[in-house]
Amino acid sequence: MVTVTGVIDYVRKTAPSRSARPGRKLLMSADSNNAGPPRKLRIPWDISEWLDKPGLLARITEDIDSLEWNNPGMVEFQRANPNFQARFLLILVTYAYALGVCESEEVAEVFYRDTELRRRLHGQPPSPKAITRFRRENRGLLKWSITQAIKHALRSRFELGDATLPPGLRKMLSDAAATRIDVGRHMDRSVQAE
C-alpha cells in the first residue's frame, strides 16, 4: 500500500539534502509529522485540486513539446495528413483527462470552456470520433502524458521537487492514467449504445 508518509519518508532518504537545493521546500510538514496510522494516498479524479489549471496546462504543454515533433517520419506524416494535428490532440486529451473529463464529446467541449487552452491551441477542436480514434491509436503515448501530468500535480501538492519517486508510486500513477483512458473508452461505448 502506498501511503503519504511512506512516500515522504522515501523521498527524504533518496533526495539531495536541503542545502543542495536552496530555496526549495522538500516536503509538506503537516503530513510528515502526523501521529497515528498512515493515510493511503488518493489521487483526485480532477488533479487540478493539486495543481492549478494554468500550471497544469503549462506542464502538459512543456512535456508534449519536449517530444521529437521534427522527426522526419512525423514531419512526413503531418505533410501527408494536414488535418491531423497530433500535438493539438495530445494536449487537449491529456488536459481533459487530467481534469477528469473522459468522454470524447465532453473532451472536445473542454476546448470551448477553457480560455487558457484556446489561447495555447489554435484551430477547431477535433470531433468526438477523431478523439476516440486518437485515444485508441495512441494509448501508450496518452498514458505517458497523463502519467506525467499526475506526477507534476503530486510533486506540486506535496512539494516533492525533483526527487525520485518510489517504484510503487510510479506504478500507481501509471495505473491511474490507464484507468482514465479505460473510463473514456467505456463512456464512449455507452454513448454509442444509446
Protein backbone atom coordinates (compact mmCIF):
# COMPACT_ATOMS: atom_id res chain seq x y z
CA MET A 1 0.00 0.00 0.00
CA VAL A 2 1.33 3.44 -0.93
CA THR A 3 0.97 5.90 1.94
CA VAL A 4 1.61 9.60 2.14
CA THR A 5 4.08 9.19 4.99
CA GLY A 6 5.76 6.31 3.15
CA VAL A 7 6.31 8.49 0.08
CA ILE A 8 7.62 11.35 2.19
CA ASP A 9 10.00 9.04 4.08
CA TYR A 10 11.27 7.54 0.83
CA VAL A 11 11.84 10.96 -0.72
CA ARG A 12 13.69 12.14 2.37
CA LYS A 13 16.02 9.16 2.20
CA THR A 14 16.74 9.46 -1.54
CA ALA A 15 16.55 13.21 -2.24
CA PRO A 16 19.56 15.51 -2.17
CA SER A 17 20.00 17.40 1.07
CA ARG A 18 18.17 20.67 1.51
CA SER A 19 21.48 22.52 1.28
CA ALA A 20 21.94 21.09 -2.22
CA ARG A 21 18.64 22.64 -3.25
CA PRO A 22 18.50 26.11 -1.70
CA GLY A 23 15.18 27.88 -1.53
CA ARG A 24 13.06 24.76 -2.15
CA LYS A 25 10.89 23.10 0.43
CA LEU A 26 11.29 19.37 0.32
CA LEU A 27 8.07 18.18 1.90
CA MET A 28 4.76 19.22 3.33
CA SER A 29 5.49 19.28 7.04
CA ALA A 30 1.94 18.57 8.18
CA ASP A 31 1.98 15.11 6.57
CA SER A 32 5.45 14.17 7.76
CA ASN A 33 4.74 14.74 11.45
CA ASN A 34 1.32 13.12 11.74
CA ALA A 35 0.90 10.59 14.51
CA GLY A 36 -1.33 7.59 14.06
CA PRO A 37 -1.83 5.14 11.23
CA PRO A 38 -0.51 6.08 7.78
CA ARG A 39 -3.02 7.50 5.34
CA LYS A 40 -3.47 5.91 1.94
CA LEU A 41 -2.62 8.23 -0.94
CA ARG A 42 -5.69 9.09 -3.02
CA ILE A 43 -5.26 10.73 -6.38
CA PRO A 44 -8.16 13.10 -7.07
CA TRP A 45 -10.13 12.46 -10.24
CA ASP A 46 -9.63 16.15 -11.13
CA ILE A 47 -5.94 16.73 -10.47
CA SER A 48 -6.40 20.49 -10.67
CA GLU A 49 -7.23 20.04 -6.97
CA TRP A 50 -3.47 19.56 -6.52
CA LEU A 51 -2.10 21.83 -9.27
CA ASP A 52 -3.99 24.85 -10.61
CA LYS A 53 -5.30 24.63 -14.18
CA PRO A 54 -2.89 27.16 -15.74
CA GLY A 55 0.08 25.41 -14.09
CA LEU A 56 -1.23 22.00 -15.11
CA LEU A 57 -1.73 23.08 -18.72
CA ALA A 58 1.73 24.68 -18.81
CA ARG A 59 3.39 21.48 -17.56
CA ILE A 60 1.41 19.31 -20.01
CA THR A 61 2.40 21.59 -22.89
CA GLU A 62 6.08 21.53 -21.82
CA ASP A 63 6.10 17.73 -21.66
CA ILE A 64 4.42 17.35 -25.04
CA ASP A 65 6.62 19.99 -26.66
CA SER A 66 9.66 18.05 -25.42
CA LEU A 67 8.76 15.22 -27.82
CA GLU A 68 10.51 14.98 -31.21
CA TRP A 69 7.99 16.79 -33.40
CA ASN A 70 10.69 17.42 -36.04
CA ASN A 71 11.32 13.69 -36.52
CA PRO A 72 11.40 13.12 -40.32
CA GLY A 73 8.73 10.41 -40.08
CA MET A 74 6.44 12.70 -38.11
CA VAL A 75 7.03 15.62 -40.48
CA GLU A 76 6.21 13.41 -43.46
CA PHE A 77 3.08 12.07 -41.75
CA GLN A 78 1.90 15.61 -40.94
CA ARG A 79 2.56 16.68 -44.54
CA ALA A 80 0.50 13.73 -45.84
CA ASN A 81 -2.27 14.33 -43.26
CA PRO A 82 -2.54 18.12 -42.81
CA ASN A 83 -5.87 17.90 -40.96
CA PHE A 84 -4.47 15.56 -38.30
CA GLN A 85 -2.99 17.70 -35.53
CA ALA A 86 -1.24 15.24 -33.20
CA ARG A 87 0.16 17.91 -30.83
CA PHE A 88 -3.24 19.62 -30.56
CA LEU A 89 -4.97 16.32 -29.84
CA LEU A 90 -2.38 15.14 -27.33
CA ILE A 91 -2.50 18.38 -25.33
CA LEU A 92 -6.31 18.57 -25.43
CA VAL A 93 -6.94 14.94 -24.47
CA THR A 94 -4.24 14.87 -21.79
CA TYR A 95 -5.55 18.08 -20.22
CA ALA A 96 -9.17 16.92 -20.30
CA TYR A 97 -8.32 13.51 -18.81
CA ALA A 98 -6.26 15.21 -16.09
CA LEU A 99 -9.38 17.23 -15.23
CA GLY A 100 -11.41 14.03 -15.08
CA VAL A 101 -13.24 14.68 -18.36
CA CYS A 102 -13.02 11.43 -20.30
CA GLU A 103 -15.98 11.06 -22.67
CA SER A 104 -14.88 12.16 -26.17
CA GLU A 105 -17.72 14.62 -26.77
CA GLU A 106 -17.00 16.31 -23.43
CA VAL A 107 -13.27 16.34 -24.20
CA ALA A 108 -13.99 18.34 -27.36
CA GLU A 109 -16.12 20.75 -25.30
CA VAL A 110 -13.25 21.39 -22.86
CA PHE A 111 -11.62 23.42 -25.63
CA TYR A 112 -14.55 25.86 -25.71
CA ARG A 113 -14.85 26.17 -21.92
CA ASP A 114 -11.18 26.83 -21.13
CA THR A 115 -9.83 30.21 -22.30
CA GLU A 116 -6.20 29.33 -21.46
CA LEU A 117 -6.45 26.18 -23.58
CA ARG A 118 -7.90 28.16 -26.51
CA ARG A 119 -5.05 30.67 -26.15
CA ARG A 120 -2.44 27.89 -26.40
CA LEU A 121 -4.12 25.81 -29.11
CA HIS A 122 -5.31 27.34 -32.35
CA GLY A 123 -7.91 25.94 -34.68
CA GLN A 124 -11.04 23.90 -34.27
CA PRO A 125 -11.20 21.06 -31.79
CA PRO A 126 -11.42 17.58 -33.24
CA SER A 127 -14.68 15.70 -33.43
CA PRO A 128 -15.54 13.14 -30.73
CA LYS A 129 -14.93 10.43 -33.34
CA ALA A 130 -11.41 11.77 -34.00
CA ILE A 131 -10.71 11.88 -30.25
CA THR A 132 -11.87 8.28 -29.85
CA ARG A 133 -9.67 7.18 -32.74
CA PHE A 134 -6.68 9.13 -31.38
CA ARG A 135 -7.10 7.53 -27.95
CA ARG A 136 -7.27 4.05 -29.45
CA GLU A 137 -4.27 4.53 -31.77
CA ASN A 138 -2.06 6.36 -29.26
CA ARG A 139 -2.82 4.68 -25.94
CA GLY A 140 0.83 4.36 -24.91
CA LEU A 141 1.66 7.98 -25.67
CA LEU A 142 -1.52 9.19 -23.96
CA LYS A 143 -0.81 7.03 -20.90
CA TRP A 144 2.68 8.55 -20.69
CA SER A 145 1.41 12.13 -20.97
CA ILE A 146 -1.37 11.66 -18.40
CA THR A 147 1.09 9.97 -16.01
CA GLN A 148 3.42 12.95 -16.39
CA ALA A 149 0.55 15.34 -15.60
CA ILE A 150 -0.34 13.38 -12.46
CA LYS A 151 3.34 13.36 -11.40
CA HIS A 152 3.51 17.14 -11.75
CA ALA A 153 0.37 17.52 -9.65
CA LEU A 154 1.70 15.13 -6.99
CA ARG A 155 5.04 16.95 -6.84
CA SER A 156 3.23 20.26 -6.50
CA ARG A 157 0.80 19.06 -3.85
CA PHE A 158 3.44 17.50 -1.60
CA GLU A 159 6.30 19.88 -2.53
CA LEU A 160 8.50 16.99 -3.68
CA GLY A 161 10.61 18.95 -6.14
CA ASP A 162 12.60 16.74 -8.50
CA ALA A 163 13.11 13.89 -6.04
CA THR A 164 12.91 10.36 -7.40
CA LEU A 165 9.53 8.76 -6.79
CA PRO A 166 9.44 5.19 -5.43
CA PRO A 167 8.63 2.46 -7.96
CA GLY A 168 5.32 1.56 -6.29
CA LEU A 169 4.14 5.15 -6.52
CA ARG A 170 5.23 5.45 -10.16
CA LYS A 171 3.18 2.32 -10.93
CA MET A 172 0.21 3.75 -9.05
CA LEU A 173 0.38 6.95 -11.16
CA SER A 174 0.66 4.95 -14.38
CA ASP A 175 -2.33 2.83 -13.36
CA ALA A 176 -4.33 5.99 -12.60
CA ALA A 177 -3.56 7.25 -16.11
CA ALA A 178 -4.60 3.91 -17.67
CA THR A 179 -7.83 3.99 -15.66
CA ARG A 180 -8.75 7.37 -17.14
CA ILE A 181 -8.16 6.06 -20.66
CA ASP A 182 -10.28 2.97 -19.92
CA VAL A 183 -13.06 5.10 -18.43
CA GLY A 184 -13.08 7.24 -21.57
CA ARG A 185 -13.34 4.13 -23.74
CA HIS A 186 -16.24 2.76 -21.70
CA MET A 187 -18.04 6.09 -21.63
CA ASP A 188 -17.75 6.41 -25.41
CA ARG A 189 -19.13 2.90 -25.84
CA SER A 190 -22.10 3.66 -23.61
CA VAL A 191 -22.87 6.82 -25.61
CA GLN A 192 -22.69 4.84 -28.88
CA ALA A 193 -25.04 2.20 -27.45
CA GLU A 194 -27.74 4.77 -26.68
